[in-house]
Amino acid sequence: MIVNVCPAATSEAPPDRFWEILIDPKAYELWADARLISSEPPGPVRAGTALRMKSPRFGRQWPVRLDITGLDPDRRWIDIVARLPLGIENHEHLTLTEMPDGRTLIRFN
């Protein structure tokens, strides 16, 4: 049996504000619980960007790599592959949808 869970949340902030955060490599520290080591290539996140990070757990600094595999600023979606220790890969498709009242629906698939 396969279980697929797609978390979703709403926010008062408009989608453009979230998009600013998603393309800022340094901002990933705020929600990834890890420290940014490098962003290659430098500059705003785009398809092909690799974010190298370190996450402190159990007295160690664990390597984490986030690969941006695709994004569409007009449709406000981004695909991220999180490469975690022990060979774990997490494929995320994040979408931002503006609601009629100006709030944002955020989905992780």
PDB file of N, CA and C in Angstrom:
ATOM      1  N   MET A   1       0.834  -1.167   0.000  1.00  0.00           N
ATOM      2  CA  MET A   1       0.000   0.000   0.000  1.00  0.00           C
ATOM      3  C   MET A   1       0.888   1.243   0.000  1.00  0.00           C
ATOM      4  N   ILE A   2       0.529   2.240  -0.813  1.00  0.00           N
ATOM      5  CA  ILE A   2       1.236   3.512  -0.873  1.00  0.00           C
ATOM      6  C   ILE A   2       0.403   4.559  -0.156  1.00  0.00           C
ATOM      7  N   VAL A   3       1.050   5.334   0.705  1.00  0.00           N
ATOM      8  CA  VAL A   3       0.378   6.423   1.397  1.00  0.00           C
ATOM      9  C   VAL A   3       0.987   7.725   0.888  1.00  0.00           C
ATOM     10  N   ASN A   4       0.145   8.618   0.403  1.00  0.00           N
ATOM     11  CA  ASN A   4       0.602   9.903  -0.109  1.00  0.00           C
ATOM     12  C   ASN A   4      -0.080  10.998   0.701  1.00  0.00           C
ATOM     13  N   VAL A   5       0.707  11.795   1.380  1.00  0.00           N
ATOM     14  CA  VAL A   5       0.183  12.876   2.200  1.00  0.00           C
ATOM     15  C   VAL A   5       0.640  14.186   1.586  1.00  0.00           C
ATOM     16  N   CYS A   6      -0.295  15.084   1.352  1.00  0.00           N
ATOM     17  CA  CYS A   6       0.011  16.377   0.743  1.00  0.00           C
ATOM     18  C   CYS A   6      -0.367  17.488   1.712  1.00  0.00           C
ATOM     19  N   PRO A   7       0.574  17.922   2.542  1.00  0.00           N
ATOM     20  CA  PRO A   7       0.257  18.985   3.482  1.00  0.00           C
ATOM     21  C   PRO A   7      -0.111  20.276   2.753  1.00  0.00           C
ATOM     22  N   ALA A   8      -1.008  21.029   3.363  1.00  0.00           N
ATOM     23  CA  ALA A   8      -1.415  22.321   2.818  1.00  0.00           C
ATOM     24  C   ALA A   8      -1.660  23.273   3.971  1.00  0.00           C
ATOM     25  N   ALA A   9      -1.474  24.557   3.706  1.00  0.00           N
ATOM     26  CA  ALA A   9      -1.721  25.589   4.706  1.00  0.00           C
ATOM     27  C   ALA A   9      -2.128  26.860   3.985  1.00  0.00           C
ATOM     28  N   THR A  10      -2.742  27.768   4.718  1.00  0.00           N
ATOM     29  CA  THR A  10      -3.059  29.083   4.173  1.00  0.00           C
ATOM     30  C   THR A  10      -2.332  30.143   4.984  1.00  0.00           C
ATOM     31  N   SER A  11      -2.094  31.272   4.339  1.00  0.00           N
ATOM     32  CA  SER A  11      -1.415  32.382   4.997  1.00  0.00           C
ATOM     33  C   SER A  11      -2.055  33.688   4.559  1.00  0.00           C
ATOM     34  N   GLU A  12      -1.968  34.671   5.424  1.00  0.00           N
ATOM     35  CA  GLU A  12      -2.466  36.006   5.097  1.00  0.00           C
ATOM     36  C   GLU A  12      -1.570  36.702   4.074  1.00  0.00           C
ATOM     37  N   ALA A  13      -0.325  36.273   3.979  1.00  0.00           N
ATOM     38  CA  ALA A  13       0.622  36.909   3.059  1.00  0.00           C
ATOM     39  C   ALA A  13       0.275  36.575   1.610  1.00  0.00           C
ATOM     40  N   PRO A  14       0.517  37.498   0.688  1.00  0.00           N
ATOM     41  CA  PRO A  14       0.241  37.233  -0.720  1.00  0.00           C
ATOM     42  C   PRO A  14       1.281  36.275  -1.319  1.00  0.00           C
ATOM     43  N   PRO A  15       0.928  35.586  -2.408  1.00  0.00           N
ATOM     44  CA  PRO A  15       1.856  34.631  -3.030  1.00  0.00           C
ATOM     45  C   PRO A  15       3.198  35.253  -3.432  1.00  0.00           C
ATOM     46  N   ASP A  16       3.196  36.501  -3.861  1.00  0.00           N
ATOM     47  CA  ASP A  16       4.460  37.130  -4.269  1.00  0.00           C
ATOM     48  C   ASP A  16       5.454  37.208  -3.118  1.00  0.00           C
ATOM     49  N   ARG A  17       4.970  37.388  -1.908  1.00  0.00           N
ATOM     50  CA  ARG A  17       5.862  37.428  -0.749  1.00  0.00           C
ATOM     51  C   ARG A  17       6.504  36.058  -0.528  1.00  0.00           C
ATOM     52  N   PHE A  18       5.731  35.003  -0.661  1.00  0.00           N
ATOM     53  CA  PHE A  18       6.293  33.657  -0.533  1.00  0.00           C
ATOM     54  C   PHE A  18       7.297  33.382  -1.639  1.00  0.00           C
ATOM     55  N   TRP A  19       7.005  33.835  -2.845  1.00  0.00           N
ATOM     56  CA  TRP A  19       7.921  33.590  -3.965  1.00  0.00           C
ATOM     57  C   TRP A  19       9.265  34.256  -3.702  1.00  0.00           C
ATOM     58  N   GLU A  20       9.256  35.460  -3.130  1.00  0.00           N
ATOM     59  CA  GLU A  20      10.513  36.141  -2.781  1.00  0.00           C
ATOM     60  C   GLU A  20      11.360  35.276  -1.850  1.00  0.00           C
ATOM     61  N   ILE A  21      10.692  34.606  -0.924  1.00  0.00           N
ATOM     62  CA  ILE A  21      11.401  33.733   0.015  1.00  0.00           C
ATOM     63  C   ILE A  21      11.944  32.498  -0.700  1.00  0.00           C
ATOM     64  N   LEU A  22      11.163  31.909  -1.592  1.00  0.00           N
ATOM     65  CA  LEU A  22      11.579  30.683  -2.281  1.00  0.00           C
ATOM     66  C   LEU A  22      12.760  30.878  -3.224  1.00  0.00           C
ATOM     67  N   ILE A  23      12.965  32.085  -3.726  1.00  0.00           N
ATOM     68  CA  ILE A  23      14.096  32.291  -4.640  1.00  0.00           C
ATOM     69  C   ILE A  23      15.314  32.893  -3.936  1.00  0.00           C
ATOM     70  N   ASP A  24      15.229  33.107  -2.629  1.00  0.00           N
ATOM     71  CA  ASP A  24      16.354  33.631  -1.849  1.00  0.00           C
ATOM     72  C   ASP A  24      17.064  32.470  -1.152  1.00  0.00           C
ATOM     73  N   PRO A  25      18.265  32.110  -1.598  1.00  0.00           N
ATOM     74  CA  PRO A  25      18.955  30.958  -1.001  1.00  0.00           C
ATOM     75  C   PRO A  25      19.109  31.061   0.520  1.00  0.00           C
ATOM     76  N   LYS A  26      19.422  32.227   1.029  1.00  0.00           N
ATOM     77  CA  LYS A  26      19.637  32.402   2.470  1.00  0.00           C
ATOM     78  C   LYS A  26      18.342  32.160   3.262  1.00  0.00           C
ATOM     79  N   ALA A  27      17.194  32.434   2.656  1.00  0.00           N
ATOM     80  CA  ALA A  27      15.916  32.265   3.342  1.00  0.00           C
ATOM     81  C   ALA A  27      15.609  30.791   3.639  1.00  0.00           C
ATOM     82  N   TYR A  28      16.241  29.868   2.935  1.00  0.00           N
ATOM     83  CA  TYR A  28      15.991  28.444   3.187  1.00  0.00           C
ATOM     84  C   TYR A  28      16.408  28.053   4.599  1.00  0.00           C
ATOM     85  N   GLU A  29      17.333  28.803   5.198  1.00  0.00           N
ATOM     86  CA  GLU A  29      17.725  28.539   6.583  1.00  0.00           C
ATOM     87  C   GLU A  29      16.544  28.713   7.538  1.00  0.00           C
ATOM     88  N   LEU A  30      15.608  29.576   7.185  1.00  0.00           N
ATOM     89  CA  LEU A  30      14.480  29.873   8.069  1.00  0.00           C
ATOM     90  C   LEU A  30      13.527  28.703   8.215  1.00  0.00           C
ATOM     91  N   TRP A  31      13.383  27.888   7.179  1.00  0.00           N
ATOM     92  CA  TRP A  31      12.405  26.805   7.254  1.00  0.00           C
ATOM     93  C   TRP A  31      13.011  25.424   7.048  1.00  0.00           C
ATOM     94  N   ALA A  32      14.284  25.342   6.737  1.00  0.00           N
ATOM     95  CA  ALA A  32      14.913  24.031   6.537  1.00  0.00           C
ATOM     96  C   ALA A  32      15.636  23.542   7.789  1.00  0.00           C
ATOM     97  N   ASP A  33      15.718  24.367   8.826  1.00  0.00           N
ATOM     98  CA  ASP A  33      16.416  24.011  10.057  1.00  0.00           C
ATOM     99  C   ASP A  33      17.841  23.545   9.758  1.00  0.00           C
ATOM    100  N   ALA A  34      18.505  24.310   8.890  1.00  0.00           N
ATOM    101  CA  ALA A  34      19.877  24.008   8.504  1.00  0.00           C
ATOM    102  C   ALA A  34      20.573  25.320   8.134  1.00  0.00           C
ATOM    103  N   ARG A  35      21.897  25.289   8.153  1.00  0.00           N
ATOM    104  CA  ARG A  35      22.699  26.473   7.825  1.00  0.00           C
ATOM    105  C   ARG A  35      23.170  26.368   6.377  1.00  0.00           C
ATOM    106  N   LEU A  36      22.988  27.447   5.616  1.00  0.00           N
ATOM    107  CA  LEU A  36      23.420  27.472   4.219  1.00  0.00           C
ATOM    108  C   LEU A  36      24.942  27.557   4.153  1.00  0.00           C
ATOM    109  N   ILE A  37      25.546  26.654   3.420  1.00  0.00           N
ATOM    110  CA  ILE A  37      26.996  26.640   3.206  1.00  0.00           C
ATOM    111  C   ILE A  37      27.324  27.289   1.868  1.00  0.00           C
ATOM    112  N   SER A  38      26.580  26.912   0.816  1.00  0.00           N
ATOM    113  CA  SER A  38      26.817  27.502  -0.503  1.00  0.00           C
ATOM    114  C   SER A  38      25.580  27.360  -1.376  1.00  0.00           C
ATOM    115  N   SER A  39      25.513  28.246  -2.348  1.00  0.00           N
ATOM    116  CA  SER A  39      24.471  28.212  -3.361  1.00  0.00           C
ATOM    117  C   SER A  39      25.161  28.309  -4.708  1.00  0.00           C
ATOM    118  N   GLU A  40      24.986  27.287  -5.527  1.00  0.00           N
ATOM    119  CA  GLU A  40      25.649  27.263  -6.839  1.00  0.00           C
ATOM    120  C   GLU A  40      24.632  26.992  -7.928  1.00  0.00           C
ATOM    121  N   PRO A  41      24.557  27.862  -8.916  1.00  0.00           N
ATOM    122  CA  PRO A  41      25.298  29.111  -9.047  1.00  0.00           C
ATOM    123  C   PRO A  41      24.779  30.157  -8.069  1.00  0.00           C
ATOM    124  N   PRO A  42      25.593  31.197  -7.811  1.00  0.00           N
ATOM    125  CA  PRO A  42      25.155  32.249  -6.896  1.00  0.00           C
ATOM    126  C   PRO A  42      23.973  33.031  -7.474  1.00  0.00           C
ATOM    127  N   GLY A  43      23.292  33.737  -6.602  1.00  0.00           N
ATOM    128  CA  GLY A  43      22.157  34.551  -7.035  1.00  0.00           C
ATOM    129  C   GLY A  43      20.845  33.890  -6.670  1.00  0.00           C
ATOM    130  N   PRO A  44      19.749  34.427  -7.192  1.00  0.00           N
ATOM    131  CA  PRO A  44      18.436  33.866  -6.889  1.00  0.00           C
ATOM    132  C   PRO A  44      18.337  32.404  -7.332  1.00  0.00           C
ATOM    133  N   VAL A  45      17.552  31.637  -6.606  1.00  0.00           N
ATOM    134  CA  VAL A  45      17.328  30.226  -6.926  1.00  0.00           C
ATOM    135  C   VAL A  45      16.660  30.123  -8.290  1.00  0.00           C
ATOM    136  N   ARG A  46      17.125  29.166  -9.083  1.00  0.00           N
ATOM    137  CA  ARG A  46      16.536  28.873 -10.398  1.00  0.00           C
ATOM    138  C   ARG A  46      16.744  27.392 -10.669  1.00  0.00           C
ATOM    139  N   ALA A  47      16.147  26.893 -11.728  1.00  0.00           N
ATOM    140  CA  ALA A  47      16.345  25.483 -12.072  1.00  0.00           C
ATOM    141  C   ALA A  47      17.842  25.220 -12.222  1.00  0.00           C
ATOM    142  N   GLY A  48      18.312  24.179 -11.578  1.00  0.00           N
ATOM    143  CA  GLY A  48      19.729  23.840 -11.614  1.00  0.00           C
ATOM    144  C   GLY A  48      20.505  24.311 -10.398  1.00  0.00           C
ATOM    145  N   THR A  49      19.905  25.133  -9.551  1.00  0.00           N
ATOM    146  CA  THR A  49      20.589  25.599  -8.344  1.00  0.00           C
ATOM    147  C   THR A  49      20.743  24.438  -7.363  1.00  0.00           C
ATOM    148  N   ALA A  50      21.923  24.367  -6.754  1.00  0.00           N
ATOM    149  CA  ALA A  50      22.200  23.392  -5.694  1.00  0.00           C
ATOM    150  C   ALA A  50      22.516  24.166  -4.417  1.00  0.00           C
ATOM    151  N   LEU A  51      21.723  23.939  -3.384  1.00  0.00           N
ATOM    152  CA  LEU A  51      21.961  24.555  -2.081  1.00  0.00           C
ATOM    153  C   LEU A  51      22.597  23.508  -1.184  1.00  0.00           C
ATOM    154  N   ARG A  52      23.796  23.797  -0.709  1.00  0.00           N
ATOM    155  CA  ARG A  52      24.478  22.896   0.221  1.00  0.00           C
ATOM    156  C   ARG A  52      24.308  23.469   1.621  1.00  0.00           C
ATOM    157  N   MET A  53      23.851  22.600   2.530  1.00  0.00           N
ATOM    158  CA  MET A  53      23.536  23.034   3.880  1.00  0.00           C
ATOM    159  C   MET A  53      24.097  22.044   4.899  1.00  0.00           C
ATOM    160  N   LYS A  54      24.116  22.461   6.154  1.00  0.00           N
ATOM    161  CA  LYS A  54      24.494  21.589   7.277  1.00  0.00           C
ATOM    162  C   LYS A  54      23.390  21.685   8.318  1.00  0.00           C
ATOM    163  N   SER A  55      22.968  20.523   8.810  1.00  0.00           N
ATOM    164  CA  SER A  55      21.905  20.460   9.806  1.00  0.00           C
ATOM    165  C   SER A  55      22.446  19.831  11.086  1.00  0.00           C
ATOM    166  N   PRO A  56      22.344  20.554  12.209  1.00  0.00           N
ATOM    167  CA  PRO A  56      22.881  20.015  13.468  1.00  0.00           C
ATOM    168  C   PRO A  56      21.908  19.026  14.126  1.00  0.00           C
ATOM    169  N   ARG A  57      22.368  17.817  14.321  1.00  0.00           N
ATOM    170  CA  ARG A  57      21.574  16.796  14.992  1.00  0.00           C
ATOM    171  C   ARG A  57      22.512  15.791  15.654  1.00  0.00           C
ATOM    172  N   PHE A  58      22.147  15.370  16.841  1.00  0.00           N
ATOM    173  CA  PHE A  58      22.879  14.309  17.542  1.00  0.00           C
ATOM    174  C   PHE A  58      24.375  14.600  17.655  1.00  0.00           C
ATOM    175  N   GLY A  59      24.708  15.874  17.889  1.00  0.00           N
ATOM    176  CA  GLY A  59      26.102  16.254  18.077  1.00  0.00           C
ATOM    177  C   GLY A  59      26.934  16.309  16.809  1.00  0.00           C
ATOM    178  N   ARG A  60      26.293  16.245  15.646  1.00  0.00           N
ATOM    179  CA  ARG A  60      27.009  16.275  14.362  1.00  0.00           C
ATOM    180  C   ARG A  60      26.424  17.350  13.460  1.00  0.00           C
ATOM    181  N   GLN A  61      27.156  17.695  12.435  1.00  0.00           N
ATOM    182  CA  GLN A  61      26.686  18.586  11.379  1.00  0.00           C
ATOM    183  C   GLN A  61      26.443  17.718  10.145  1.00  0.00           C
ATOM    184  N   TRP A  62      25.172  17.432   9.851  1.00  0.00           N
ATOM    185  CA  TRP A  62      24.813  16.527   8.761  1.00  0.00           C
ATOM    186  C   TRP A  62      24.708  17.287   7.452  1.00  0.00           C
ATOM    187  N   PRO A  63      25.271  16.746   6.374  1.00  0.00           N
ATOM    188  CA  PRO A  63      25.156  17.416   5.077  1.00  0.00           C
ATOM    189  C   PRO A  63      23.757  17.244   4.479  1.00  0.00           C
ATOM    190  N   VAL A  64      23.234  18.330   3.954  1.00  0.00           N
ATOM    191  CA  VAL A  64      21.947  18.334   3.265  1.00  0.00           C
ATOM    192  C   VAL A  64      22.149  19.098   1.964  1.00  0.00           C
ATOM    193  N   ARG A  65      21.610  18.569   0.896  1.00  0.00           N
ATOM    194  CA  ARG A  65      21.692  19.260  -0.390  1.00  0.00           C
ATOM    195  C   ARG A  65      20.283  19.392  -0.952  1.00  0.00           C
ATOM    196  N   LEU A  66      19.918  20.599  -1.340  1.00  0.00           N
ATOM    197  CA  LEU A  66      18.635  20.846  -1.981  1.00  0.00           C
ATOM    198  C   LEU A  66      18.900  21.181  -3.436  1.00  0.00           C
ATOM    199  N   ASP A  67      18.404  20.354  -4.334  1.00  0.00           N
ATOM    200  CA  ASP A  67      18.541  20.593  -5.767  1.00  0.00           C
ATOM    201  C   ASP A  67      17.223  21.139  -6.297  1.00  0.00           C
ATOM    202  N   ILE A  68      17.280  22.300  -6.910  1.00  0.00           N
ATOM    203  CA  ILE A  68      16.097  22.892  -7.527  1.00  0.00           C
ATOM    204  C   ILE A  68      16.025  22.319  -8.938  1.00  0.00           C
ATOM    205  N   THR A  69      15.050  21.463  -9.175  1.00  0.00           N
ATOM    206  CA  THR A  69      14.983  20.757 -10.463  1.00  0.00           C
ATOM    207  C   THR A  69      14.057  21.436 -11.463  1.00  0.00           C
ATOM    208  N   GLY A  70      13.238  22.358 -10.989  1.00  0.00           N
ATOM    209  CA  GLY A  70      12.358  23.096 -11.891  1.00  0.00           C
ATOM    210  C   GLY A  70      11.592  24.146 -11.126  1.00  0.00           C
ATOM    211  N   LEU A  71      11.168  25.187 -11.829  1.00  0.00           N
ATOM    212  CA  LEU A  71      10.322  26.199 -11.217  1.00  0.00           C
ATOM    213  C   LEU A  71       9.652  27.024 -12.304  1.00  0.00           C
ATOM    214  N   ASP A  72       8.545  27.636 -11.931  1.00  0.00           N
ATOM    215  CA  ASP A  72       7.798  28.504 -12.843  1.00  0.00           C
ATOM    216  C   ASP A  72       7.298  29.701 -12.039  1.00  0.00           C
ATOM    217  N   PRO A  73       7.968  30.857 -12.171  1.00  0.00           N
ATOM    218  CA  PRO A  73       7.564  32.025 -11.394  1.00  0.00           C
ATOM    219  C   PRO A  73       6.156  32.521 -11.734  1.00  0.00           C
ATOM    220  N   ASP A  74       5.722  32.360 -12.975  1.00  0.00           N
ATOM    221  CA  ASP A  74       4.395  32.826 -13.365  1.00  0.00           C
ATOM    222  C   ASP A  74       3.287  31.986 -12.731  1.00  0.00           C
ATOM    223  N   ARG A  75       3.519  30.683 -12.657  1.00  0.00           N
ATOM    224  CA  ARG A  75       2.524  29.785 -12.056  1.00  0.00           C
ATOM    225  C   ARG A  75       2.804  29.518 -10.587  1.00  0.00           C
ATOM    226  N   ARG A  76       3.938  30.015 -10.114  1.00  0.00           N
ATOM    227  CA  ARG A  76       4.345  29.926  -8.705  1.00  0.00           C
ATOM    228  C   ARG A  76       4.444  28.485  -8.198  1.00  0.00           C
ATOM    229  N   TRP A  77       5.273  27.687  -8.855  1.00  0.00           N
ATOM    230  CA  TRP A  77       5.589  26.358  -8.347  1.00  0.00           C
ATOM    231  C   TRP A  77       7.088  26.141  -8.434  1.00  0.00           C
ATOM    232  N   ILE A  78       7.570  25.257  -7.567  1.00  0.00           N
ATOM    233  CA  ILE A  78       8.997  24.934  -7.528  1.00  0.00           C
ATOM    234  C   ILE A  78       9.139  23.454  -7.167  1.00  0.00           C
ATOM    235  N   ASP A  79      10.073  22.783  -7.832  1.00  0.00           N
ATOM    236  CA  ASP A  79      10.389  21.381  -7.542  1.00  0.00           C
ATOM    237  C   ASP A  79      11.753  21.320  -6.872  1.00  0.00           C
ATOM    238  N   ILE A  80      11.795  20.621  -5.757  1.00  0.00           N
ATOM    239  CA  ILE A  80      13.022  20.513  -4.965  1.00  0.00           C
ATOM    240  C   ILE A  80      13.263  19.045  -4.638  1.00  0.00           C
ATOM    241  N   VAL A  81      14.513  18.602  -4.807  1.00  0.00           N
ATOM    242  CA  VAL A  81      14.920  17.285  -4.328  1.00  0.00           C
ATOM    243  C   VAL A  81      15.850  17.522  -3.146  1.00  0.00           C
ATOM    244  N   ALA A  82      15.403  17.095  -1.966  1.00  0.00           N
ATOM    245  CA  ALA A  82      16.222  17.198  -0.761  1.00  0.00           C
ATOM    246  C   ALA A  82      17.021  15.912  -0.617  1.00  0.00           C
ATOM    247  N   ARG A  83      18.329  16.030  -0.661  1.00  0.00           N
ATOM    248  CA  ARG A  83      19.217  14.876  -0.517  1.00  0.00           C
ATOM    249  C   ARG A  83      19.762  14.898   0.916  1.00  0.00           C
ATOM    250  N   LEU A  84      19.296  13.933   1.693  1.00  0.00           N
ATOM    251  CA  LEU A  84      19.574  13.877   3.124  1.00  0.00           C
ATOM    252  C   LEU A  84      20.591  12.788   3.428  1.00  0.00           C
ATOM    253  N   PRO A  85      21.110  12.781   4.652  1.00  0.00           N
ATOM    254  CA  PRO A  85      22.052  11.726   5.025  1.00  0.00           C
ATOM    255  C   PRO A  85      21.442  10.331   4.867  1.00  0.00           C
ATOM    256  N   LEU A  86      22.300   9.359   4.780  1.00  0.00           N
ATOM    257  CA  LEU A  86      21.942   7.943   4.680  1.00  0.00           C
ATOM    258  C   LEU A  86      21.237   7.613   3.361  1.00  0.00           C
ATOM    259  N   GLY A  87      21.443   8.435   2.333  1.00  0.00           N
ATOM    260  CA  GLY A  87      20.885   8.154   1.018  1.00  0.00           C
ATOM    261  C   GLY A  87      19.409   8.471   0.848  1.00  0.00           C
ATOM    262  N   ILE A  88      18.828   9.202   1.773  1.00  0.00           N
ATOM    263  CA  ILE A  88      17.405   9.533   1.695  1.00  0.00           C
ATOM    264  C   ILE A  88      17.201  10.711   0.739  1.00  0.00           C
ATOM    265  N   GLU A  89      16.240  10.567  -0.174  1.00  0.00           N
ATOM    266  CA  GLU A  89      15.862  11.643  -1.090  1.00  0.00           C
ATOM    267  C   GLU A  89      14.388  11.954  -0.910  1.00  0.00           C
ATOM    268  N   ASN A  90      14.072  13.232  -0.810  1.00  0.00           N
ATOM    269  CA  ASN A  90      12.698  13.681  -0.660  1.00  0.00           C
ATOM    270  C   ASN A  90      12.372  14.602  -1.839  1.00  0.00           C
ATOM    271  N   HIS A  91      11.422  14.206  -2.663  1.00  0.00           N
ATOM    272  CA  HIS A  91      11.028  14.995  -3.828  1.00  0.00           C
ATOM    273  C   HIS A  91       9.818  15.840  -3.452  1.00  0.00           C
ATOM    274  N   GLU A  92       9.952  17.158  -3.568  1.00  0.00           N
ATOM    275  CA  GLU A  92       8.882  18.084  -3.194  1.00  0.00           C
ATOM    276  C   GLU A  92       8.445  18.909  -4.393  1.00  0.00           C
ATOM    277  N   HIS A  93       7.142  19.082  -4.513  1.00  0.00           N
ATOM    278  CA  HIS A  93       6.555  20.000  -5.499  1.00  0.00           C
ATOM    279  C   HIS A  93       5.731  20.982  -4.677  1.00  0.00           C
ATOM    280  N   LEU A  94       6.185  22.217  -4.605  1.00  0.00           N
ATOM    281  CA  LEU A  94       5.529  23.232  -3.791  1.00  0.00           C
ATOM    282  C   LEU A  94       4.798  24.198  -4.714  1.00  0.00           C
ATOM    283  N   THR A  95       3.527  24.452  -4.419  1.00  0.00           N
ATOM    284  CA  THR A  95       2.744  25.395  -5.226  1.00  0.00           C
ATOM    285  C   THR A  95       2.155  26.473  -4.327  1.00  0.00           C
ATOM    286  N   LEU A  96       2.059  27.664  -4.889  1.00  0.00           N
ATOM    287  CA  LEU A  96       1.441  28.808  -4.228  1.00  0.00           C
ATOM    288  C   LEU A  96       0.242  29.229  -5.064  1.00  0.00           C
ATOM    289  N   THR A  97      -0.935  29.262  -4.448  1.00  0.00           N
ATOM    290  CA  THR A  97      -2.147  29.642  -5.159  1.00  0.00           C
ATOM    291  C   THR A  97      -2.789  30.824  -4.446  1.00  0.00           C
ATOM    292  N   GLU A  98      -3.038  31.889  -5.208  1.00  0.00           N
ATOM    293  CA  GLU A  98      -3.712  33.042  -4.615  1.00  0.00           C
ATOM    294  C   GLU A  98      -5.189  32.739  -4.464  1.00  0.00           C
ATOM    295  N   MET A  99      -5.698  32.977  -3.271  1.00  0.00           N
ATOM    296  CA  MET A  99      -7.117  32.762  -2.991  1.00  0.00           C
ATOM    297  C   MET A  99      -7.891  34.048  -3.313  1.00  0.00           C
ATOM    298  N   PRO A 100      -9.203  33.965  -3.509  1.00  0.00           N
ATOM    299  CA  PRO A 100      -9.992  35.145  -3.868  1.00  0.00           C
ATOM    300  C   PRO A 100      -9.836  36.324  -2.901  1.00  0.00           C
ATOM    301  N   ASP A 101      -9.570  36.035  -1.632  1.00  0.00           N
ATOM    302  CA  ASP A 101      -9.427  37.108  -0.644  1.00  0.00           C
ATOM    303  C   ASP A 101      -7.994  37.614  -0.521  1.00  0.00           C
ATOM    304  N   GLY A 102      -7.077  37.175  -1.412  1.00  0.00           N
ATOM    305  CA  GLY A 102      -5.697  37.651  -1.408  1.00  0.00           C
ATOM    306  C   GLY A 102      -4.753  36.807  -0.577  1.00  0.00           C
ATOM    307  N   ARG A 103      -5.280  35.877   0.213  1.00  0.00           N
ATOM    308  CA  ARG A 103      -4.410  34.996   0.985  1.00  0.00           C
ATOM    309  C   ARG A 103      -3.756  33.985   0.042  1.00  0.00           C
ATOM    310  N   THR A 104      -2.846  33.179   0.611  1.00  0.00           N
ATOM    311  CA  THR A 104      -2.132  32.182  -0.189  1.00  0.00           C
ATOM    312  C   THR A 104      -2.411  30.779   0.329  1.00  0.00           C
ATOM    313  N   LEU A 105      -2.726  29.882  -0.605  1.00  0.00           N
ATOM    314  CA  LEU A 105      -2.810  28.455  -0.315  1.00  0.00           C
ATOM    315  C   LEU A 105      -1.471  27.857  -0.711  1.00  0.00           C
ATOM    316  N   ILE A 106      -0.801  27.208   0.237  1.00  0.00           N
ATOM    317  CA  ILE A 106       0.517  26.617   0.024  1.00  0.00           C
ATOM    318  C   ILE A 106       0.348  25.108   0.091  1.00  0.00           C
ATOM    319  N   ARG A 107       0.823  24.420  -0.947  1.00  0.00           N
ATOM    320  CA  ARG A 107       0.723  22.952  -0.990  1.00  0.00           C
ATOM    321  C   ARG A 107       2.096  22.339  -1.201  1.00  0.00           C
ATOM    322  N   PHE A 108       2.360  21.257  -0.457  1.00  0.00           N
ATOM    323  CA  PHE A 108       3.544  20.435  -0.660  1.00  0.00           C
ATOM    324  C   PHE A 108       3.075  19.092  -1.158  1.00  0.00           C
ATOM    325  N   ASN A 109       3.508  18.677  -2.313  1.00  0.00           N
ATOM    326  CA  ASN A 109       3.133  17.368  -2.853  1.00  0.00           C
ATOM    327  C   ASN A 109       4.354  16.498  -2.971  1.00  0.00           C
TER     328      ASN A 109
END
